[in-house]
Amino acid sequence: MPGSRPKVWVKAPMTFERIGSARSWLNRQQVEIEDGVTRPQTVATRTTLGEYAEQWIKTRRSAKGGPLRATTVRTYRGYMSKHIEPTLGHLALPAVTREVIRAWYAALPDETPTGNARAYAFLKSVCATAVEDGLMPSQPCTIRGGSSSKPKTKVTVATPAQVRALADKMPEHLQLAILLGAWCSLRNGEVLELRRRDVTPESIRVERGVTFVDGKAIIGPPKTDAGVRTVAVPPHISEAITEHLDKWVNADADALLFVRAPGDRTNLHTNTFGYFTKQAIKQTDLPATFRFHHLRHSGLTLAARTGATVAELQARAGHSTPHMALRYQHAASERDRALADALSALAVDN
């Protein structure tokens, strides 16, 4: 009959002892299918994990209720193309079982533990939604600790002298960026989107950050409300800020502090900034694994050593929860323990 719905076979979860019970169950399933509550199994068998994950990425909402950031979409699709799609992407959703996930996870390369953990966490979220949609019978991602990993390289806490040495090895118009990363605990995307109106020798207002997708600058607010903050400038770098504003920044309030070339009005690309930073690191006694983000870690650890509270560290860093701030206090306490051990050794030796 034209316009009629195609028939869909729905399997019952059990064998019913009485035909009345079977008919009652079938009637409930038909109502739920019509209302969109139950997804027929045939839909699941026609949908591959790759197709479902792509739709998940397109329709996923952020914690603020808006669409995912362009950089987040790029990251998720990277997990799919590099880690998930080659092995699992072609499988129908019901075929993605716990056994399949365990075999896939065990085959991930040992040299990328962080990437493996993040890909697994992403896949687990996708599968959780598929379970909610009735397209998977249960969550197949059940590996204990699968979403966590230890960094392959240890984060280095730079000393104040090392921070100064690194800044000195940068191109002159980028030296202030190193000081802001360390002493104001800014992320590189926050540093590269600072404008004259955001900065004084006494404080820095963080309201935006810049990321790049396919070479295009994407400017937006921090991921969380806590990321919007005002950071007090340590007095010992105030003069450097004043000199930088006078020498390298255009006069209007919207002028960027760091641009592709002096006098330009275009955001310096994070890759270009990373290249200059890497070359400068090679000329210091910092390890080759040191990165700009380690400056932020260094500044917060040094702040913890001065006695900063968790709440103070959280506010300065722009963290939405105290979890990360506790890490810096822990690092400071470890250093204090090492100093206590050294004092004890000195006492014994003498």
C-alpha atoms as a PDB file:
ATOM      1  CA  MET A   1       0.000   0.000   0.000  1.00  0.00           C
ATOM      2  CA  PRO A   2       1.491   3.425  -0.953  1.00  0.00           C
ATOM      3  CA  GLY A   3       2.703   5.378   2.057  1.00  0.00           C
ATOM      4  CA  SER A   4       2.639   2.375   4.393  1.00  0.00           C
ATOM      5  CA  ARG A   5       5.555   1.810   6.745  1.00  0.00           C
ATOM      6  CA  PRO A   6       7.953  -1.081   6.013  1.00  0.00           C
ATOM      7  CA  LYS A   7       7.648  -3.983   8.412  1.00  0.00           C
ATOM      8  CA  VAL A   8      10.378  -4.297  11.053  1.00  0.00           C
ATOM      9  CA  TRP A   9      11.011  -7.513  12.942  1.00  0.00           C
ATOM     10  CA  VAL A  10      11.606  -7.035  16.656  1.00  0.00           C
ATOM     11  CA  LYS A  11      12.967  -9.942  18.723  1.00  0.00           C
ATOM     12  CA  ALA A  12      11.596 -10.523  22.176  1.00  0.00           C
ATOM     13  CA  PRO A  13      14.125 -10.872  25.012  1.00  0.00           C
ATOM     14  CA  MET A  14      12.539 -14.145  26.187  1.00  0.00           C
ATOM     15  CA  THR A  15      10.109 -16.926  25.298  1.00  0.00           C
ATOM     16  CA  PHE A  16       6.678 -16.181  26.746  1.00  0.00           C
ATOM     17  CA  GLU A  17       4.684 -18.920  28.436  1.00  0.00           C
ATOM     18  CA  ARG A  18       1.328 -17.460  27.381  1.00  0.00           C
ATOM     19  CA  ILE A  19       0.341 -15.895  24.086  1.00  0.00           C
ATOM     20  CA  GLY A  20      -1.386 -13.046  25.916  1.00  0.00           C
ATOM     21  CA  SER A  21       1.896 -11.996  27.508  1.00  0.00           C
ATOM     22  CA  ALA A  22       3.621 -12.096  24.134  1.00  0.00           C
ATOM     23  CA  ARG A  23       0.945  -9.934  22.533  1.00  0.00           C
ATOM     24  CA  SER A  24       1.121  -7.451  25.418  1.00  0.00           C
ATOM     25  CA  TRP A  25       4.914  -7.147  25.029  1.00  0.00           C
ATOM     26  CA  LEU A  26       4.600  -6.756  21.257  1.00  0.00           C
ATOM     27  CA  ASN A  27       1.987  -4.022  21.620  1.00  0.00           C
ATOM     28  CA  ARG A  28       4.273  -2.089  23.987  1.00  0.00           C
ATOM     29  CA  GLN A  29       7.189  -2.369  21.561  1.00  0.00           C
ATOM     30  CA  GLN A  30       5.087  -1.157  18.655  1.00  0.00           C
ATOM     31  CA  VAL A  31       3.989   1.905  20.633  1.00  0.00           C
ATOM     32  CA  GLU A  32       7.584   2.687  21.674  1.00  0.00           C
ATOM     33  CA  ILE A  33       8.816   2.347  18.093  1.00  0.00           C
ATOM     34  CA  GLU A  34       6.083   4.695  16.854  1.00  0.00           C
ATOM     35  CA  ASP A  35       6.966   7.181  19.621  1.00  0.00           C
ATOM     36  CA  GLY A  36      10.691   6.955  18.838  1.00  0.00           C
ATOM     37  CA  VAL A  37      11.501   5.497  22.253  1.00  0.00           C
ATOM     38  CA  THR A  38      12.799   2.171  20.918  1.00  0.00           C
ATOM     39  CA  ARG A  39      15.130   1.960  17.947  1.00  0.00           C
ATOM     40  CA  PRO A  40      14.542  -1.205  15.914  1.00  0.00           C
ATOM     41  CA  GLN A  41      17.513  -3.569  15.840  1.00  0.00           C
ATOM     42  CA  THR A  42      17.553  -3.366  12.061  1.00  0.00           C
ATOM     43  CA  VAL A  43      18.586   0.297  12.343  1.00  0.00           C
ATOM     44  CA  ALA A  44      21.549  -0.720  14.469  1.00  0.00           C
ATOM     45  CA  THR A  45      22.655  -3.419  12.054  1.00  0.00           C
ATOM     46  CA  ARG A  46      22.572  -0.941   9.170  1.00  0.00           C
ATOM     47  CA  THR A  47      24.635   1.676  11.044  1.00  0.00           C
ATOM     48  CA  THR A  48      28.395   1.340  11.284  1.00  0.00           C
ATOM     49  CA  LEU A  49      30.437   2.702  14.151  1.00  0.00           C
ATOM     50  CA  GLY A  50      32.147   5.125  11.768  1.00  0.00           C
ATOM     51  CA  GLU A  51      28.834   6.520  10.538  1.00  0.00           C
ATOM     52  CA  TYR A  52      27.400   6.802  14.019  1.00  0.00           C
ATOM     53  CA  ALA A  53      30.531   8.480  15.415  1.00  0.00           C
ATOM     54  CA  GLU A  54      30.495  11.098  12.645  1.00  0.00           C
ATOM     55  CA  GLN A  55      26.849  11.884  13.359  1.00  0.00           C
ATOM     56  CA  TRP A  56      27.673  11.993  17.078  1.00  0.00           C
ATOM     57  CA  ILE A  57      30.384  14.578  16.443  1.00  0.00           C
ATOM     58  CA  LYS A  58      28.049  16.702  14.311  1.00  0.00           C
ATOM     59  CA  THR A  59      25.222  16.742  16.848  1.00  0.00           C
ATOM     60  CA  ARG A  60      27.144  16.687  20.126  1.00  0.00           C
ATOM     61  CA  ARG A  61      26.654  19.718  22.348  1.00  0.00           C
ATOM     62  CA  SER A  62      29.221  21.315  24.627  1.00  0.00           C
ATOM     63  CA  ALA A  63      28.808  21.764  28.370  1.00  0.00           C
ATOM     64  CA  LYS A  64      27.473  25.245  27.622  1.00  0.00           C
ATOM     65  CA  GLY A  65      24.827  23.835  25.268  1.00  0.00           C
ATOM     66  CA  GLY A  66      26.404  25.066  22.039  1.00  0.00           C
ATOM     67  CA  PRO A  67      27.997  23.114  19.187  1.00  0.00           C
ATOM     68  CA  LEU A  68      31.453  21.663  19.681  1.00  0.00           C
ATOM     69  CA  ARG A  69      34.401  23.944  18.997  1.00  0.00           C
ATOM     70  CA  ALA A  70      36.073  23.549  15.626  1.00  0.00           C
ATOM     71  CA  THR A  71      39.266  22.389  17.344  1.00  0.00           C
ATOM     72  CA  THR A  72      37.339  19.777  19.343  1.00  0.00           C
ATOM     73  CA  VAL A  73      35.713  18.478  16.157  1.00  0.00           C
ATOM     74  CA  ARG A  74      39.139  18.268  14.541  1.00  0.00           C
ATOM     75  CA  THR A  75      40.503  16.393  17.557  1.00  0.00           C
ATOM     76  CA  TYR A  76      37.634  13.882  17.616  1.00  0.00           C
ATOM     77  CA  ARG A  77      37.925  13.230  13.899  1.00  0.00           C
ATOM     78  CA  GLY A  78      41.642  12.747  14.402  1.00  0.00           C
ATOM     79  CA  TYR A  79      40.914  10.036  16.971  1.00  0.00           C
ATOM     80  CA  MET A  80      38.603   8.378  14.452  1.00  0.00           C
ATOM     81  CA  SER A  81      40.994   8.491  11.494  1.00  0.00           C
ATOM     82  CA  LYS A  82      44.164   7.548  13.392  1.00  0.00           C
ATOM     83  CA  HIS A  83      42.970   5.157  16.078  1.00  0.00           C
ATOM     84  CA  ILE A  84      39.424   3.912  15.545  1.00  0.00           C
ATOM     85  CA  GLU A  85      38.281   3.962  11.914  1.00  0.00           C
ATOM     86  CA  PRO A  86      40.910   1.604  10.430  1.00  0.00           C
ATOM     87  CA  THR A  87      39.929  -1.277  12.730  1.00  0.00           C
ATOM     88  CA  LEU A  88      36.430  -0.592  14.029  1.00  0.00           C
ATOM     89  CA  GLY A  89      34.839   1.962  11.717  1.00  0.00           C
ATOM     90  CA  HIS A  90      33.272  -0.570   9.320  1.00  0.00           C
ATOM     91  CA  LEU A  91      31.631  -2.657  12.050  1.00  0.00           C
ATOM     92  CA  ALA A  92      27.889  -2.504  12.637  1.00  0.00           C
ATOM     93  CA  LEU A  93      27.125  -1.166  16.095  1.00  0.00           C
ATOM     94  CA  PRO A  94      25.960  -4.482  17.636  1.00  0.00           C
ATOM     95  CA  ALA A  95      29.203  -6.085  16.428  1.00  0.00           C
ATOM     96  CA  VAL A  96      31.285  -3.716  18.589  1.00  0.00           C
ATOM     97  CA  THR A  97      31.487  -6.018  21.597  1.00  0.00           C
ATOM     98  CA  ARG A  98      33.660  -5.996  24.706  1.00  0.00           C
ATOM     99  CA  GLU A  99      35.909  -8.628  23.163  1.00  0.00           C
ATOM    100  CA  VAL A 100      36.368  -6.533  20.026  1.00  0.00           C
ATOM    101  CA  ILE A 101      37.189  -3.422  22.079  1.00  0.00           C
ATOM    102  CA  ARG A 102      39.715  -5.298  24.226  1.00  0.00           C
ATOM    103  CA  ALA A 103      41.486  -6.659  21.136  1.00  0.00           C
ATOM    104  CA  TRP A 104      41.515  -3.210  19.517  1.00  0.00           C
ATOM    105  CA  TYR A 105      42.858  -1.532  22.654  1.00  0.00           C
ATOM    106  CA  ALA A 106      45.587  -4.142  23.109  1.00  0.00           C
ATOM    107  CA  ALA A 107      46.799  -3.512  19.557  1.00  0.00           C
ATOM    108  CA  LEU A 108      47.199   0.266  19.974  1.00  0.00           C
ATOM    109  CA  PRO A 109      50.835   1.421  19.696  1.00  0.00           C
ATOM    110  CA  ASP A 110      52.765   1.584  22.966  1.00  0.00           C
ATOM    111  CA  GLU A 111      54.549   4.796  21.964  1.00  0.00           C
ATOM    112  CA  THR A 112      51.337   6.894  22.072  1.00  0.00           C
ATOM    113  CA  PRO A 113      49.823   6.185  25.527  1.00  0.00           C
ATOM    114  CA  THR A 114      48.145   9.572  25.893  1.00  0.00           C
ATOM    115  CA  GLY A 115      46.613   9.452  22.421  1.00  0.00           C
ATOM    116  CA  ASN A 116      45.412   5.904  23.049  1.00  0.00           C
ATOM    117  CA  ALA A 117      43.731   6.887  26.317  1.00  0.00           C
ATOM    118  CA  ARG A 118      42.017   9.902  24.787  1.00  0.00           C
ATOM    119  CA  ALA A 119      40.810   7.913  21.774  1.00  0.00           C
ATOM    120  CA  TYR A 120      39.416   5.284  24.131  1.00  0.00           C
ATOM    121  CA  ALA A 121      37.635   7.939  26.234  1.00  0.00           C
ATOM    122  CA  PHE A 122      36.112   9.415  23.077  1.00  0.00           C
ATOM    123  CA  LEU A 123      34.967   5.987  21.860  1.00  0.00           C
ATOM    124  CA  LYS A 124      33.472   5.222  25.270  1.00  0.00           C
ATOM    125  CA  SER A 125      31.386   8.415  25.104  1.00  0.00           C
ATOM    126  CA  VAL A 126      30.165   7.572  21.601  1.00  0.00           C
ATOM    127  CA  CYS A 127      29.197   4.060  22.667  1.00  0.00           C
ATOM    128  CA  ALA A 128      27.409   5.362  25.763  1.00  0.00           C
ATOM    129  CA  THR A 129      25.153   7.455  23.536  1.00  0.00           C
ATOM    130  CA  ALA A 130      24.581   4.467  21.233  1.00  0.00           C
ATOM    131  CA  VAL A 131      23.454   2.449  24.256  1.00  0.00           C
ATOM    132  CA  GLU A 132      21.081   5.272  25.230  1.00  0.00           C
ATOM    133  CA  ASP A 133      19.710   5.262  21.678  1.00  0.00           C
ATOM    134  CA  GLY A 134      19.025   1.526  21.881  1.00  0.00           C
ATOM    135  CA  LEU A 135      21.519   0.727  19.128  1.00  0.00           C
ATOM    136  CA  MET A 136      23.910  -1.205  21.378  1.00  0.00           C
ATOM    137  CA  PRO A 137      22.839  -3.722  24.013  1.00  0.00           C
ATOM    138  CA  SER A 138      25.415  -2.546  26.565  1.00  0.00           C
ATOM    139  CA  GLN A 139      28.555  -0.457  26.950  1.00  0.00           C
ATOM    140  CA  PRO A 140      31.430  -2.350  25.272  1.00  0.00           C
ATOM    141  CA  CYS A 141      34.175  -0.063  26.620  1.00  0.00           C
ATOM    142  CA  THR A 142      34.780  -1.550  30.048  1.00  0.00           C
ATOM    143  CA  ILE A 143      38.593  -1.580  30.280  1.00  0.00           C
ATOM    144  CA  ARG A 144      39.625  -0.428  33.752  1.00  0.00           C
ATOM    145  CA  GLY A 145      41.934   2.586  33.476  1.00  0.00           C
ATOM    146  CA  GLY A 146      41.554   2.689  29.688  1.00  0.00           C
ATOM    147  CA  SER A 147      40.929   6.443  29.705  1.00  0.00           C
ATOM    148  CA  SER A 148      43.955   7.307  31.842  1.00  0.00           C
ATOM    149  CA  SER A 149      47.660   7.331  31.083  1.00  0.00           C
ATOM    150  CA  LYS A 150      50.908   8.674  32.419  1.00  0.00           C
ATOM    151  CA  PRO A 151      52.685  11.265  30.243  1.00  0.00           C
ATOM    152  CA  LYS A 152      55.462   9.726  28.196  1.00  0.00           C
ATOM    153  CA  THR A 153      57.803  12.540  29.202  1.00  0.00           C
ATOM    154  CA  LYS A 154      57.934  14.165  32.627  1.00  0.00           C
ATOM    155  CA  VAL A 155      56.876  17.800  32.854  1.00  0.00           C
ATOM    156  CA  THR A 156      59.858  19.969  33.749  1.00  0.00           C
ATOM    157  CA  VAL A 157      59.552  22.800  36.250  1.00  0.00           C
ATOM    158  CA  ALA A 158      61.784  25.583  34.943  1.00  0.00           C
ATOM    159  CA  THR A 159      63.682  27.699  37.420  1.00  0.00           C
ATOM    160  CA  PRO A 160      63.400  31.504  37.274  1.00  0.00           C
ATOM    161  CA  ALA A 161      66.894  31.605  35.729  1.00  0.00           C
ATOM    162  CA  GLN A 162      65.863  29.116  33.037  1.00  0.00           C
ATOM    163  CA  VAL A 163      62.754  31.147  32.230  1.00  0.00           C
ATOM    164  CA  ARG A 164      64.891  34.250  31.754  1.00  0.00           C
ATOM    165  CA  ALA A 165      67.432  32.359  29.646  1.00  0.00           C
ATOM    166  CA  LEU A 166      64.685  30.962  27.417  1.00  0.00           C
ATOM    167  CA  ALA A 167      63.140  34.402  26.923  1.00  0.00           C
ATOM    168  CA  ASP A 168      66.544  35.814  25.978  1.00  0.00           C
ATOM    169  CA  LYS A 169      66.935  33.197  23.215  1.00  0.00           C
ATOM    170  CA  MET A 170      63.588  34.041  21.607  1.00  0.00           C
ATOM    171  CA  PRO A 171      63.246  36.643  18.827  1.00  0.00           C
ATOM    172  CA  GLU A 172      63.039  40.003  20.562  1.00  0.00           C
ATOM    173  CA  HIS A 173      59.388  40.617  19.662  1.00  0.00           C
ATOM    174  CA  LEU A 174      58.402  37.273  21.246  1.00  0.00           C
ATOM    175  CA  GLN A 175      60.400  37.379  24.464  1.00  0.00           C
ATOM    176  CA  LEU A 176      57.501  38.722  26.520  1.00  0.00           C
ATOM    177  CA  ALA A 177      55.385  35.697  25.549  1.00  0.00           C
ATOM    178  CA  ILE A 178      57.743  33.437  27.502  1.00  0.00           C
ATOM    179  CA  LEU A 179      57.537  35.643  30.584  1.00  0.00           C
ATOM    180  CA  LEU A 180      53.724  35.735  30.431  1.00  0.00           C
ATOM    181  CA  GLY A 181      53.525  31.967  30.039  1.00  0.00           C
ATOM    182  CA  ALA A 182      55.639  31.402  33.125  1.00  0.00           C
ATOM    183  CA  TRP A 183      54.834  34.256  35.491  1.00  0.00           C
ATOM    184  CA  CYS A 184      51.162  34.776  34.582  1.00  0.00           C
ATOM    185  CA  SER A 185      50.421  31.090  33.870  1.00  0.00           C
ATOM    186  CA  LEU A 186      48.846  31.706  30.487  1.00  0.00           C
ATOM    187  CA  ARG A 187      48.188  29.098  27.815  1.00  0.00           C
ATOM    188  CA  ASN A 188      49.769  29.683  24.416  1.00  0.00           C
ATOM    189  CA  GLY A 189      46.375  30.318  22.775  1.00  0.00           C
ATOM    190  CA  GLU A 190      45.625  32.921  25.447  1.00  0.00           C
ATOM    191  CA  VAL A 191      48.996  34.618  24.977  1.00  0.00           C
ATOM    192  CA  LEU A 192      48.658  34.793  21.194  1.00  0.00           C
ATOM    193  CA  GLU A 193      45.226  36.451  21.389  1.00  0.00           C
ATOM    194  CA  LEU A 194      46.173  39.167  23.897  1.00  0.00           C
ATOM    195  CA  ARG A 195      45.465  42.701  22.707  1.00  0.00           C
ATOM    196  CA  ARG A 196      46.566  46.083  23.967  1.00  0.00           C
ATOM    197  CA  ARG A 197      43.246  46.632  25.765  1.00  0.00           C
ATOM    198  CA  ASP A 198      43.784  43.424  27.757  1.00  0.00           C
ATOM    199  CA  VAL A 199      47.188  44.278  29.180  1.00  0.00           C
ATOM    200  CA  THR A 200      48.661  46.727  31.666  1.00  0.00           C
ATOM    201  CA  PRO A 201      51.924  46.490  33.613  1.00  0.00           C
ATOM    202  CA  GLU A 202      49.816  45.526  36.644  1.00  0.00           C
ATOM    203  CA  SER A 203      47.287  43.013  35.301  1.00  0.00           C
ATOM    204  CA  ILE A 204      46.193  40.934  32.331  1.00  0.00           C
ATOM    205  CA  ARG A 205      42.581  40.271  31.410  1.00  0.00           C
ATOM    206  CA  VAL A 206      42.023  36.879  29.766  1.00  0.00           C
ATOM    207  CA  GLU A 207      38.765  36.746  27.791  1.00  0.00           C
ATOM    208  CA  ARG A 208      39.677  34.946  24.554  1.00  0.00           C
ATOM    209  CA  GLY A 209      42.021  32.461  23.031  1.00  0.00           C
ATOM    210  CA  VAL A 210      43.068  31.564  19.505  1.00  0.00           C
ATOM    211  CA  THR A 211      43.365  28.173  17.885  1.00  0.00           C
ATOM    212  CA  PHE A 212      43.930  27.227  14.270  1.00  0.00           C
ATOM    213  CA  VAL A 213      41.944  24.835  12.085  1.00  0.00           C
ATOM    214  CA  ASP A 214      43.152  24.243   8.530  1.00  0.00           C
ATOM    215  CA  GLY A 215      45.363  27.307   8.861  1.00  0.00           C
ATOM    216  CA  LYS A 216      42.479  29.595   9.839  1.00  0.00           C
ATOM    217  CA  ALA A 217      42.516  31.433  13.153  1.00  0.00           C
ATOM    218  CA  ILE A 218      39.523  30.566  15.360  1.00  0.00           C
ATOM    219  CA  ILE A 219      39.025  33.121  18.145  1.00  0.00           C
ATOM    220  CA  GLY A 220      36.659  32.395  20.986  1.00  0.00           C
ATOM    221  CA  PRO A 221      36.114  32.468  24.734  1.00  0.00           C
ATOM    222  CA  PRO A 222      37.805  29.995  27.078  1.00  0.00           C
ATOM    223  CA  LYS A 223      36.227  26.537  27.346  1.00  0.00           C
ATOM    224  CA  THR A 224      34.825  27.273  30.799  1.00  0.00           C
ATOM    225  CA  ASP A 225      33.644  30.395  32.606  1.00  0.00           C
ATOM    226  CA  ALA A 226      36.588  30.009  35.005  1.00  0.00           C
ATOM    227  CA  GLY A 227      38.933  30.605  32.083  1.00  0.00           C
ATOM    228  CA  VAL A 228      37.794  34.239  31.930  1.00  0.00           C
ATOM    229  CA  ARG A 229      39.945  35.894  34.570  1.00  0.00           C
ATOM    230  CA  THR A 230      42.199  38.768  35.526  1.00  0.00           C
ATOM    231  CA  VAL A 231      45.758  37.806  36.406  1.00  0.00           C
ATOM    232  CA  ALA A 232      47.947  40.047  38.545  1.00  0.00           C
ATOM    233  CA  VAL A 233      51.340  40.699  36.948  1.00  0.00           C
ATOM    234  CA  PRO A 234      54.406  40.030  39.111  1.00  0.00           C
ATOM    235  CA  PRO A 235      56.223  43.373  39.410  1.00  0.00           C
ATOM    236  CA  HIS A 236      59.529  42.033  38.100  1.00  0.00           C
ATOM    237  CA  ILE A 237      58.080  41.700  34.548  1.00  0.00           C
ATOM    238  CA  SER A 238      56.063  44.946  34.530  1.00  0.00           C
ATOM    239  CA  GLU A 239      58.856  46.852  32.816  1.00  0.00           C
ATOM    240  CA  ALA A 240      59.095  44.190  30.102  1.00  0.00           C
ATOM    241  CA  ILE A 241      55.377  44.628  29.402  1.00  0.00           C
ATOM    242  CA  THR A 242      55.706  48.392  29.116  1.00  0.00           C
ATOM    243  CA  GLU A 243      58.688  48.103  26.771  1.00  0.00           C
ATOM    244  CA  HIS A 244      56.926  45.533  24.597  1.00  0.00           C
ATOM    245  CA  LEU A 245      53.794  47.673  24.282  1.00  0.00           C
ATOM    246  CA  ASP A 246      55.859  50.708  23.327  1.00  0.00           C
ATOM    247  CA  LYS A 247      58.103  48.940  20.817  1.00  0.00           C
ATOM    248  CA  TRP A 248      56.108  46.152  19.201  1.00  0.00           C
ATOM    249  CA  VAL A 249      52.368  46.822  19.522  1.00  0.00           C
ATOM    250  CA  ASN A 250      50.244  49.092  17.334  1.00  0.00           C
ATOM    251  CA  ALA A 251      48.609  52.028  19.089  1.00  0.00           C
ATOM    252  CA  ASP A 252      44.936  51.031  18.863  1.00  0.00           C
ATOM    253  CA  ALA A 253      43.225  49.141  21.683  1.00  0.00           C
ATOM    254  CA  ASP A 254      42.513  46.119  19.458  1.00  0.00           C
ATOM    255  CA  ALA A 255      46.159  45.649  18.412  1.00  0.00           C
ATOM    256  CA  LEU A 256      47.598  42.182  19.037  1.00  0.00           C
ATOM    257  CA  LEU A 257      50.631  41.829  21.288  1.00  0.00           C
ATOM    258  CA  PHE A 258      52.135  39.050  19.158  1.00  0.00           C
ATOM    259  CA  VAL A 259      51.731  38.947  15.400  1.00  0.00           C
ATOM    260  CA  ARG A 260      53.192  37.141  12.384  1.00  0.00           C
ATOM    261  CA  ALA A 261      55.609  39.995  11.776  1.00  0.00           C
ATOM    262  CA  PRO A 262      56.229  43.355  13.471  1.00  0.00           C
ATOM    263  CA  GLY A 263      53.555  45.840  12.396  1.00  0.00           C
ATOM    264  CA  ASP A 264      51.218  43.099  11.168  1.00  0.00           C
ATOM    265  CA  ARG A 265      47.649  42.678  12.452  1.00  0.00           C
ATOM    266  CA  THR A 266      47.343  38.903  12.057  1.00  0.00           C
ATOM    267  CA  ASN A 267      47.577  36.332  14.839  1.00  0.00           C
ATOM    268  CA  LEU A 268      50.886  34.517  15.009  1.00  0.00           C
ATOM    269  CA  HIS A 269      50.211  30.854  14.211  1.00  0.00           C
ATOM    270  CA  THR A 270      50.693  28.478  17.130  1.00  0.00           C
ATOM    271  CA  ASN A 271      52.914  26.267  14.961  1.00  0.00           C
ATOM    272  CA  THR A 272      55.176  29.190  14.100  1.00  0.00           C
ATOM    273  CA  PHE A 273      55.372  30.222  17.741  1.00  0.00           C
ATOM    274  CA  GLY A 274      56.087  26.619  18.681  1.00  0.00           C
ATOM    275  CA  TYR A 275      58.952  26.491  16.178  1.00  0.00           C
ATOM    276  CA  PHE A 276      60.607  29.608  17.629  1.00  0.00           C
ATOM    277  CA  THR A 277      60.139  28.248  21.152  1.00  0.00           C
ATOM    278  CA  LYS A 278      61.654  24.892  20.235  1.00  0.00           C
ATOM    279  CA  GLN A 279      64.684  26.537  18.652  1.00  0.00           C
ATOM    280  CA  ALA A 280      65.172  28.715  21.733  1.00  0.00           C
ATOM    281  CA  ILE A 281      64.921  25.695  24.045  1.00  0.00           C
ATOM    282  CA  LYS A 282      67.816  24.064  22.182  1.00  0.00           C
ATOM    283  CA  GLN A 283      70.013  26.989  23.206  1.00  0.00           C
ATOM    284  CA  THR A 284      69.315  26.574  26.940  1.00  0.00           C
ATOM    285  CA  ASP A 285      69.951  23.836  29.475  1.00  0.00           C
ATOM    286  CA  LEU A 286      66.262  22.889  29.449  1.00  0.00           C
ATOM    287  CA  PRO A 287      65.527  19.346  28.211  1.00  0.00           C
ATOM    288  CA  ALA A 288      64.579  18.888  24.562  1.00  0.00           C
ATOM    289  CA  THR A 289      61.144  17.683  25.717  1.00  0.00           C
ATOM    290  CA  PHE A 290      60.352  21.072  27.287  1.00  0.00           C
ATOM    291  CA  ARG A 291      57.319  22.821  25.799  1.00  0.00           C
ATOM    292  CA  PHE A 292      55.646  26.210  26.208  1.00  0.00           C
ATOM    293  CA  HIS A 293      52.893  24.631  28.307  1.00  0.00           C
ATOM    294  CA  HIS A 294      55.547  23.599  30.833  1.00  0.00           C
ATOM    295  CA  LEU A 295      56.060  27.302  31.571  1.00  0.00           C
ATOM    296  CA  ARG A 296      52.491  27.502  32.843  1.00  0.00           C
ATOM    297  CA  HIS A 297      53.126  24.425  34.963  1.00  0.00           C
ATOM    298  CA  SER A 298      56.343  25.993  36.242  1.00  0.00           C
ATOM    299  CA  GLY A 299      54.682  29.253  37.225  1.00  0.00           C
ATOM    300  CA  LEU A 300      51.868  27.535  39.098  1.00  0.00           C
ATOM    301  CA  THR A 301      54.290  25.221  40.893  1.00  0.00           C
ATOM    302  CA  LEU A 302      56.422  28.178  41.951  1.00  0.00           C
ATOM    303  CA  ALA A 303      53.262  29.948  43.130  1.00  0.00           C
ATOM    304  CA  ALA A 304      52.374  26.900  45.224  1.00  0.00           C
ATOM    305  CA  ARG A 305      55.821  27.048  46.826  1.00  0.00           C
ATOM    306  CA  THR A 306      55.115  30.601  47.958  1.00  0.00           C
ATOM    307  CA  GLY A 307      52.142  29.258  49.918  1.00  0.00           C
ATOM    308  CA  ALA A 308      49.293  29.883  47.469  1.00  0.00           C
ATOM    309  CA  THR A 309      46.085  28.096  48.395  1.00  0.00           C
ATOM    310  CA  VAL A 310      44.247  25.716  46.086  1.00  0.00           C
ATOM    311  CA  ALA A 311      41.568  28.362  45.472  1.00  0.00           C
ATOM    312  CA  GLU A 312      44.214  30.959  44.588  1.00  0.00           C
ATOM    313  CA  LEU A 313      45.971  28.601  42.184  1.00  0.00           C
ATOM    314  CA  GLN A 314      42.639  27.631  40.649  1.00  0.00           C
ATOM    315  CA  ALA A 315      41.692  31.264  40.058  1.00  0.00           C
ATOM    316  CA  ARG A 316      45.083  32.219  38.624  1.00  0.00           C
ATOM    317  CA  ALA A 317      45.158  29.267  36.249  1.00  0.00           C
ATOM    318  CA  GLY A 318      41.518  29.537  35.202  1.00  0.00           C
ATOM    319  CA  HIS A 319      40.689  25.966  36.232  1.00  0.00           C
ATOM    320  CA  SER A 320      37.012  25.113  36.659  1.00  0.00           C
ATOM    321  CA  THR A 321      37.737  22.541  39.404  1.00  0.00           C
ATOM    322  CA  PRO A 322      40.383  22.333  42.144  1.00  0.00           C
ATOM    323  CA  HIS A 323      41.722  19.013  40.810  1.00  0.00           C
ATOM    324  CA  MET A 324      44.493  20.509  38.677  1.00  0.00           C
ATOM    325  CA  ALA A 325      45.449  23.093  41.289  1.00  0.00           C
ATOM    326  CA  LEU A 326      46.022  20.275  43.765  1.00  0.00           C
ATOM    327  CA  ARG A 327      48.677  18.862  41.430  1.00  0.00           C
ATOM    328  CA  TYR A 328      50.781  21.995  41.802  1.00  0.00           C
ATOM    329  CA  GLN A 329      50.459  21.949  45.568  1.00  0.00           C
ATOM    330  CA  HIS A 330      51.500  18.309  45.518  1.00  0.00           C
ATOM    331  CA  ALA A 331      54.560  19.185  43.406  1.00  0.00           C
ATOM    332  CA  ALA A 332      55.476  21.892  45.899  1.00  0.00           C
ATOM    333  CA  SER A 333      55.101  19.517  48.847  1.00  0.00           C
ATOM    334  CA  GLU A 334      57.304  16.954  47.079  1.00  0.00           C
ATOM    335  CA  ARG A 335      59.996  19.600  46.707  1.00  0.00           C
ATOM    336  CA  ASP A 336      59.666  20.510  50.377  1.00  0.00           C
ATOM    337  CA  ARG A 337      60.068  16.830  51.282  1.00  0.00           C
ATOM    338  CA  ALA A 338      63.231  16.651  49.179  1.00  0.00           C
ATOM    339  CA  LEU A 339      64.607  19.723  50.939  1.00  0.00           C
ATOM    340  CA  ALA A 340      63.826  18.177  54.340  1.00  0.00           C
ATOM    341  CA  ASP A 341      65.620  14.970  53.336  1.00  0.00           C
ATOM    342  CA  ALA A 342      68.635  16.984  52.176  1.00  0.00           C
ATOM    343  CA  LEU A 343      68.774  18.842  55.497  1.00  0.00           C
ATOM    344  CA  SER A 344      68.656  15.535  57.373  1.00  0.00           C
ATOM    345  CA  ALA A 345      71.468  14.128  55.255  1.00  0.00           C
ATOM    346  CA  LEU A 346      73.521  17.241  55.982  1.00  0.00           C
ATOM    347  CA  ALA A 347      72.973  16.819  59.701  1.00  0.00           C
ATOM    348  CA  VAL A 348      74.045  13.162  59.614  1.00  0.00           C
ATOM    349  CA  ASP A 349      77.152  13.872  57.567  1.00  0.00           C
ATOM    350  CA  ASN A 350      78.289  16.495  60.054  1.00  0.00           C
END
